[in-house]
PDB file of N, CA and C in Angstrom:
ATOM      1  N   MET A   1     184.834 267.769 138.946  1.00  0.00           N
ATOM      2  CA  MET A   1     184.176 268.896 138.161  1.00  0.00           C
ATOM      3  C   MET A   1     185.027 270.129 138.580  1.00  0.00           C
ATOM      4  N   ASN A   2     185.041 270.807 137.669  1.00  0.00           N
ATOM      5  CA  ASN A   2     185.992 272.283 137.675  1.00  0.00           C
ATOM      6  C   ASN A   2     185.135 273.366 137.440  1.00  0.00           C
ATOM      7  N   VAL A   3     184.912 274.404 138.146  1.00  0.00           N
ATOM      8  CA  VAL A   3     184.397 275.553 138.020  1.00  0.00           C
ATOM      9  C   VAL A   3     185.448 276.780 137.982  1.00  0.00           C
ATOM     10  N   THR A   4     184.444 278.001 137.332  1.00  0.00           N
ATOM     11  CA  THR A   4     185.718 279.098 137.097  1.00  0.00           C
ATOM     12  C   THR A   4     184.901 280.193 137.877  1.00  0.00           C
ATOM     13  N   VAL A   5     185.221 280.535 138.921  1.00  0.00           N
ATOM     14  CA  VAL A   5     184.695 281.715 139.709  1.00  0.00           C
ATOM     15  C   VAL A   5     185.345 283.016 139.608  1.00  0.00           C
ATOM     16  N   TRP A   6     184.621 284.053 139.796  1.00  0.00           N
ATOM     17  CA  TRP A   6     185.115 285.466 140.005  1.00  0.00           C
ATOM     18  C   TRP A   6     184.864 285.895 141.242  1.00  0.00           C
ATOM     19  N   VAL A   7     185.952 286.408 142.073  1.00  0.00           N
ATOM     20  CA  VAL A   7     185.770 286.478 143.781  1.00  0.00           C
ATOM     21  C   VAL A   7     185.450 287.948 143.843  1.00  0.00           C
ATOM     22  N   LYS A   8     185.188 288.395 144.675  1.00  0.00           N
ATOM     23  CA  LYS A   8     184.593 289.507 145.043  1.00  0.00           C
ATOM     24  C   LYS A   8     185.224 289.556 146.344  1.00  0.00           C
ATOM     25  N   PRO A   9     186.240 289.829 146.878  1.00  0.00           N
ATOM     26  CA  PRO A   9     186.959 290.159 148.335  1.00  0.00           C
ATOM     27  C   PRO A   9     186.456 291.214 148.905  1.00  0.00           C
ATOM     28  N   GLY A  10     186.396 291.194 150.448  1.00  0.00           N
ATOM     29  CA  GLY A  10     186.186 292.611 151.287  1.00  0.00           C
ATOM     30  C   GLY A  10     184.726 292.851 151.204  1.00  0.00           C
ATOM     31  N   ALA A  11     183.600 291.835 150.739  1.00  0.00           N
ATOM     32  CA  ALA A  11     182.282 292.076 150.570  1.00  0.00           C
ATOM     33  C   ALA A  11     181.587 292.418 151.906  1.00  0.00           C
ATOM     34  N   ARG A  12     180.774 293.651 151.824  1.00  0.00           N
ATOM     35  CA  ARG A  12     180.289 294.182 153.114  1.00  0.00           C
ATOM     36  C   ARG A  12     178.997 293.116 153.391  1.00  0.00           C
ATOM     37  N   SER A  13     178.513 292.429 152.255  1.00  0.00           N
ATOM     38  CA  SER A  13     177.456 291.810 152.672  1.00  0.00           C
ATOM     39  C   SER A  13     177.274 290.713 152.977  1.00  0.00           C
ATOM     40  N   GLY A  14     178.377 290.042 153.483  1.00  0.00           N
ATOM     41  CA  GLY A  14     178.407 288.514 153.805  1.00  0.00           C
ATOM     42  C   GLY A  14     178.831 287.855 152.661  1.00  0.00           C
ATOM     43  N   ALA A  15     179.031 286.810 152.772  1.00  0.00           N
ATOM     44  CA  ALA A  15     179.480 285.600 152.004  1.00  0.00           C
ATOM     45  C   ALA A  15     177.988 284.878 151.421  1.00  0.00           C
ATOM     46  N   SER A  16     178.808 285.105 149.883  1.00  0.00           N
ATOM     47  CA  SER A  16     177.489 284.420 148.888  1.00  0.00           C
ATOM     48  C   SER A  16     178.381 283.828 147.675  1.00  0.00           C
ATOM     49  N   VAL A  17     177.410 283.083 147.276  1.00  0.00           N
ATOM     50  CA  VAL A  17     177.624 282.024 145.926  1.00  0.00           C
ATOM     51  C   VAL A  17     176.751 282.476 144.911  1.00  0.00           C
ATOM     52  N   THR A  18     176.203 283.006 143.684  1.00  0.00           N
ATOM     53  CA  THR A  18     175.350 283.346 142.880  1.00  0.00           C
ATOM     54  C   THR A  18     176.170 282.793 141.578  1.00  0.00           C
ATOM     55  N   ALA A  19     175.005 282.627 140.541  1.00  0.00           N
ATOM     56  CA  ALA A  19     175.285 282.245 138.954  1.00  0.00           C
ATOM     57  C   ALA A  19     175.884 283.467 138.334  1.00  0.00           C
ATOM     58  N   SER A  20     176.916 283.375 137.421  1.00  0.00           N
ATOM     59  CA  SER A  20     177.269 284.290 136.691  1.00  0.00           C
ATOM     60  C   SER A  20     176.253 285.396 135.878  1.00  0.00           C
ATOM     61  N   GLU A  21     176.589 286.260 135.698  1.00  0.00           N
ATOM     62  CA  GLU A  21     175.784 287.068 134.484  1.00  0.00           C
ATOM     63  C   GLU A  21     176.788 286.941 133.281  1.00  0.00           C
ATOM     64  N   HIS A  22     177.491 286.354 133.359  1.00  0.00           N
ATOM     65  CA  HIS A  22     178.861 286.196 132.085  1.00  0.00           C
ATOM     66  C   HIS A  22     179.384 284.578 132.089  1.00  0.00           C
ATOM     67  N   PRO A  23     178.035 283.676 131.415  1.00  0.00           N
ATOM     68  CA  PRO A  23     178.500 282.455 131.559  1.00  0.00           C
ATOM     69  C   PRO A  23     179.466 282.026 130.520  1.00  0.00           C
ATOM     70  N   ASP A  24     180.159 283.039 129.966  1.00  0.00           N
ATOM     71  CA  ASP A  24     180.967 282.644 129.028  1.00  0.00           C
ATOM     72  C   ASP A  24     182.438 282.826 129.489  1.00  0.00           C
ATOM     73  N   GLN A  25     182.676 283.648 130.393  1.00  0.00           N
ATOM     74  CA  GLN A  25     183.758 283.860 131.216  1.00  0.00           C
ATOM     75  C   GLN A  25     184.044 283.251 132.529  1.00  0.00           C
ATOM     76  N   TYR A  26     183.122 283.094 133.271  1.00  0.00           N
ATOM     77  CA  TYR A  26     182.956 282.392 134.904  1.00  0.00           C
ATOM     78  C   TYR A  26     181.933 281.973 134.972  1.00  0.00           C
ATOM     79  N   ASP A  27     181.662 280.451 135.717  1.00  0.00           N
ATOM     80  CA  ASP A  27     180.504 280.108 136.128  1.00  0.00           C
ATOM     81  C   ASP A  27     179.809 280.531 137.371  1.00  0.00           C
ATOM     82  N   LEU A  28     180.451 281.062 138.190  1.00  0.00           N
ATOM     83  CA  LEU A  28     179.856 281.331 139.551  1.00  0.00           C
ATOM     84  C   LEU A  28     180.789 282.894 140.135  1.00  0.00           C
ATOM     85  N   VAL A  29     179.872 283.600 140.910  1.00  0.00           N
ATOM     86  CA  VAL A  29     180.433 284.687 141.611  1.00  0.00           C
ATOM     87  C   VAL A  29     180.385 284.617 143.085  1.00  0.00           C
ATOM     88  N   VAL A  30     181.366 284.462 143.498  1.00  0.00           N
ATOM     89  CA  VAL A  30     181.851 284.326 145.080  1.00  0.00           C
ATOM     90  C   VAL A  30     182.101 285.431 145.749  1.00  0.00           C
ATOM     91  N   ARG A  31     181.485 285.931 146.768  1.00  0.00           N
ATOM     92  CA  ARG A  31     181.464 287.262 147.347  1.00  0.00           C
ATOM     93  C   ARG A  31     182.145 286.865 149.387  1.00  0.00           C
ATOM     94  N   VAL A  32     183.017 287.066 149.269  1.00  0.00           N
ATOM     95  CA  VAL A  32     183.605 286.867 150.426  1.00  0.00           C
ATOM     96  C   VAL A  32     183.983 288.187 151.552  1.00  0.00           C
ATOM     97  N   PRO A  33     183.860 288.088 152.652  1.00  0.00           N
ATOM     98  CA  PRO A  33     184.278 289.257 153.558  1.00  0.00           C
ATOM     99  C   PRO A  33     185.665 289.606 153.795  1.00  0.00           C
ATOM    100  N   GLU A  34     186.398 288.152 153.597  1.00  0.00           N
ATOM    101  CA  GLU A  34     188.013 288.356 153.796  1.00  0.00           C
ATOM    102  C   GLU A  34     188.577 289.149 152.672  1.00  0.00           C
ATOM    103  N   ARG A  35     189.485 289.987 152.961  1.00  0.00           N
ATOM    104  CA  ARG A  35     190.448 290.437 152.031  1.00  0.00           C
ATOM    105  C   ARG A  35     191.571 289.700 151.836  1.00  0.00           C
ATOM    106  N   PRO A  36     192.034 290.240 150.298  1.00  0.00           N
ATOM    107  CA  PRO A  36     192.873 289.130 149.939  1.00  0.00           C
ATOM    108  C   PRO A  36     194.589 289.400 150.405  1.00  0.00           C
ATOM    109  N   VAL A  37     194.714 288.696 151.910  1.00  0.00           N
ATOM    110  CA  VAL A  37     195.814 289.214 152.359  1.00  0.00           C
ATOM    111  C   VAL A  37     196.365 287.785 153.124  1.00  0.00           C
ATOM    112  N   ASP A  38     197.239 287.300 152.488  1.00  0.00           N
ATOM    113  CA  ASP A  38     198.055 285.895 152.847  1.00  0.00           C
ATOM    114  C   ASP A  38     196.844 284.828 152.619  1.00  0.00           C
ATOM    115  N   GLY A  39     196.329 284.983 151.888  1.00  0.00           N
ATOM    116  CA  GLY A  39     195.526 283.876 151.241  1.00  0.00           C
ATOM    117  C   GLY A  39     194.134 283.867 152.024  1.00  0.00           C
ATOM    118  N   ALA A  40     193.953 284.885 152.808  1.00  0.00           N
ATOM    119  CA  ALA A  40     192.728 284.647 153.679  1.00  0.00           C
ATOM    120  C   ALA A  40     191.239 284.430 152.716  1.00  0.00           C
ATOM    121  N   ALA A  41     191.261 285.381 151.636  1.00  0.00           N
ATOM    122  CA  ALA A  41     190.335 285.209 150.742  1.00  0.00           C
ATOM    123  C   ALA A  41     190.006 283.917 149.757  1.00  0.00           C
ATOM    124  N   ASN A  42     191.191 283.553 149.779  1.00  0.00           N
ATOM    125  CA  ASN A  42     191.332 282.072 148.925  1.00  0.00           C
ATOM    126  C   ASN A  42     190.633 280.865 149.759  1.00  0.00           C
ATOM    127  N   ASP A  43     191.011 280.893 150.779  1.00  0.00           N
ATOM    128  CA  ASP A  43     190.625 280.016 152.150  1.00  0.00           C
ATOM    129  C   ASP A  43     189.420 280.411 152.023  1.00  0.00           C
ATOM    130  N   ALA A  44     188.372 281.702 152.468  1.00  0.00           N
ATOM    131  CA  ALA A  44     187.093 281.535 152.368  1.00  0.00           C
ATOM    132  C   ALA A  44     186.247 281.410 151.210  1.00  0.00           C
ATOM    133  N   VAL A  45     187.348 281.468 150.311  1.00  0.00           N
ATOM    134  CA  VAL A  45     186.404 280.914 148.899  1.00  0.00           C
ATOM    135  C   VAL A  45     186.212 279.061 149.019  1.00  0.00           C
ATOM    136  N   VAL A  46     187.380 278.461 149.488  1.00  0.00           N
ATOM    137  CA  VAL A  46     187.419 277.209 149.502  1.00  0.00           C
ATOM    138  C   VAL A  46     186.205 276.393 150.390  1.00  0.00           C
ATOM    139  N   ARG A  47     186.195 277.403 151.574  1.00  0.00           N
ATOM    140  CA  ARG A  47     185.162 276.781 152.769  1.00  0.00           C
ATOM    141  C   ARG A  47     183.811 277.126 152.497  1.00  0.00           C
ATOM    142  N   LEU A  48     183.362 278.067 151.315  1.00  0.00           N
ATOM    143  CA  LEU A  48     182.119 278.672 151.108  1.00  0.00           C
ATOM    144  C   LEU A  48     181.769 278.013 150.221  1.00  0.00           C
ATOM    145  N   LEU A  49     182.840 277.467 148.914  1.00  0.00           N
ATOM    146  CA  LEU A  49     182.177 276.412 147.818  1.00  0.00           C
ATOM    147  C   LEU A  49     182.099 275.226 148.671  1.00  0.00           C
ATOM    148  N   ALA A  50     182.768 274.572 149.257  1.00  0.00           N
ATOM    149  CA  ALA A  50     182.873 273.324 150.180  1.00  0.00           C
ATOM    150  C   ALA A  50     180.996 273.320 150.809  1.00  0.00           C
ATOM    151  N   GLU A  51     180.941 274.196 151.484  1.00  0.00           N
ATOM    152  CA  GLU A  51     179.588 274.053 151.825  1.00  0.00           C
ATOM    153  C   GLU A  51     178.549 274.476 150.800  1.00  0.00           C
ATOM    154  N   HIS A  52     178.488 275.301 150.192  1.00  0.00           N
ATOM    155  CA  HIS A  52     177.618 275.024 148.732  1.00  0.00           C
ATOM    156  C   HIS A  52     177.468 274.246 148.124  1.00  0.00           C
ATOM    157  N   PHE A  53     178.525 273.243 148.068  1.00  0.00           N
ATOM    158  CA  PHE A  53     178.408 271.860 146.831  1.00  0.00           C
ATOM    159  C   PHE A  53     178.666 270.841 147.884  1.00  0.00           C
ATOM    160  N   GLY A  54     177.962 271.010 149.211  1.00  0.00           N
ATOM    161  CA  GLY A  54     178.093 269.870 150.357  1.00  0.00           C
ATOM    162  C   GLY A  54     179.286 268.778 150.264  1.00  0.00           C
ATOM    163  N   VAL A  55     180.280 269.046 150.010  1.00  0.00           N
ATOM    164  CA  VAL A  55     181.751 268.402 150.337  1.00  0.00           C
ATOM    165  C   VAL A  55     182.605 268.763 151.012  1.00  0.00           C
ATOM    166  N   PRO A  56     183.263 268.127 151.850  1.00  0.00           N
ATOM    167  CA  PRO A  56     184.228 268.561 152.615  1.00  0.00           C
ATOM    168  C   PRO A  56     185.266 269.238 152.063  1.00  0.00           C
ATOM    169  N   ARG A  57     186.014 270.063 152.726  1.00  0.00           N
ATOM    170  CA  ARG A  57     186.799 271.205 152.313  1.00  0.00           C
ATOM    171  C   ARG A  57     188.121 270.580 151.617  1.00  0.00           C
ATOM    172  N   GLY A  58     188.865 269.299 152.070  1.00  0.00           N
ATOM    173  CA  GLY A  58     189.450 268.853 151.452  1.00  0.00           C
ATOM    174  C   GLY A  58     189.440 268.619 150.012  1.00  0.00           C
ATOM    175  N   ASP A  59     187.910 268.590 149.376  1.00  0.00           N
ATOM    176  CA  ASP A  59     187.771 268.048 148.355  1.00  0.00           C
ATOM    177  C   ASP A  59     187.632 269.211 147.348  1.00  0.00           C
ATOM    178  N   VAL A  60     188.071 270.631 147.857  1.00  0.00           N
ATOM    179  CA  VAL A  60     188.179 271.648 147.006  1.00  0.00           C
ATOM    180  C   VAL A  60     189.415 272.364 147.252  1.00  0.00           C
ATOM    181  N   ALA A  61     189.781 272.633 145.851  1.00  0.00           N
ATOM    182  CA  ALA A  61     191.235 273.112 145.657  1.00  0.00           C
ATOM    183  C   ALA A  61     191.319 274.092 144.708  1.00  0.00           C
ATOM    184  N   VAL A  62     192.192 275.146 144.757  1.00  0.00           N
ATOM    185  CA  VAL A  62     192.150 276.333 143.647  1.00  0.00           C
ATOM    186  C   VAL A  62     193.227 275.521 142.997  1.00  0.00           C
ATOM    187  N   VAL A  63     192.758 275.663 141.738  1.00  0.00           N
ATOM    188  CA  VAL A  63     193.659 275.002 140.866  1.00  0.00           C
ATOM    189  C   VAL A  63     194.723 275.840 139.900  1.00  0.00           C
ATOM    190  N   SER A  64     194.100 277.088 139.471  1.00  0.00           N
ATOM    191  CA  SER A  64     194.758 278.370 139.274  1.00  0.00           C
ATOM    192  C   SER A  64     194.355 279.621 139.282  1.00  0.00           C
ATOM    193  N   GLY A  65     194.705 280.740 139.147  1.00  0.00           N
ATOM    194  CA  GLY A  65     194.212 282.160 139.770  1.00  0.00           C
ATOM    195  C   GLY A  65     194.250 282.482 141.338  1.00  0.00           C
ATOM    196  N   HIS A  66     195.713 281.608 142.063  1.00  0.00           N
ATOM    197  CA  HIS A  66     196.094 282.232 143.486  1.00  0.00           C
ATOM    198  C   HIS A  66     196.018 283.388 143.640  1.00  0.00           C
ATOM    199  N   SER A  67     196.593 284.428 142.915  1.00  0.00           N
ATOM    200  CA  SER A  67     196.413 285.887 143.164  1.00  0.00           C
ATOM    201  C   SER A  67     195.585 286.493 142.062  1.00  0.00           C
ATOM    202  N   SER A  68     194.542 285.882 141.915  1.00  0.00           N
ATOM    203  CA  SER A  68     193.805 286.910 140.640  1.00  0.00           C
ATOM    204  C   SER A  68     192.298 286.919 141.133  1.00  0.00           C
ATOM    205  N   ARG A  69     191.238 287.676 140.882  1.00  0.00           N
ATOM    206  CA  ARG A  69     190.209 287.458 140.788  1.00  0.00           C
ATOM    207  C   ARG A  69     189.206 286.208 140.442  1.00  0.00           C
ATOM    208  N   ARG A  70     190.233 286.051 139.063  1.00  0.00           N
ATOM    209  CA  ARG A  70     189.111 284.598 138.428  1.00  0.00           C
ATOM    210  C   ARG A  70     190.088 283.823 138.662  1.00  0.00           C
ATOM    211  N   LYS A  71     189.429 282.848 139.101  1.00  0.00           N
ATOM    212  CA  LYS A  71     189.839 281.686 139.802  1.00  0.00           C
ATOM    213  C   LYS A  71     189.448 280.331 139.308  1.00  0.00           C
ATOM    214  N   ARG A  72     190.101 279.147 138.882  1.00  0.00           N
ATOM    215  CA  ARG A  72     189.387 277.678 138.563  1.00  0.00           C
ATOM    216  C   ARG A  72     189.625 277.048 139.690  1.00  0.00           C
ATOM    217  N   ILE A  73     188.733 276.438 139.868  1.00  0.00           N
ATOM    218  CA  ILE A  73     188.159 275.516 141.347  1.00  0.00           C
ATOM    219  C   ILE A  73     188.246 274.080 140.726  1.00  0.00           C
ATOM    220  N   ARG A  74     188.736 273.454 141.247  1.00  0.00           N
ATOM    221  CA  ARG A  74     187.957 271.602 141.456  1.00  0.00           C
ATOM    222  C   ARG A  74     187.613 271.102 142.526  1.00  0.00           C
ATOM    223  N   ILE A  75     186.719 270.378 142.104  1.00  0.00           N
ATOM    224  CA  ILE A  75     185.723 270.087 143.140  1.00  0.00           C
ATOM    225  C   ILE A  75     185.760 268.738 143.197  1.00  0.00           C
ATOM    226  N   HIS A  76     186.182 268.050 143.783  1.00  0.00           N
ATOM    227  CA  HIS A  76     186.196 266.385 143.684  1.00  0.00           C
ATOM    228  C   HIS A  76     184.617 266.159 144.457  1.00  0.00           C
ATOM    229  N   GLU A  77     184.183 264.954 143.915  1.00  0.00           N
ATOM    230  CA  GLU A  77     183.057 264.762 144.070  1.00  0.00           C
ATOM    231  C   GLU A  77     182.709 263.445 144.869  1.00  0.00           C
TER     232      GLU A  77
END
């Protein structure tokens, strides 16, 4: 399954996954407290989505958008 996410790094309220208010642009909004330094935010997104979908971390991968807030994520089920 592929999902498009909008990442909000540096979230003060903690990590969360919510449905998008703009489903034509992206599927989920992912908030993570990590800043986008040295891939920390991407790692946090992968970890959070793996937990959210109940799959191992190795089954979640960033396909595109490594340096962007809009990312396409592949989740192997």
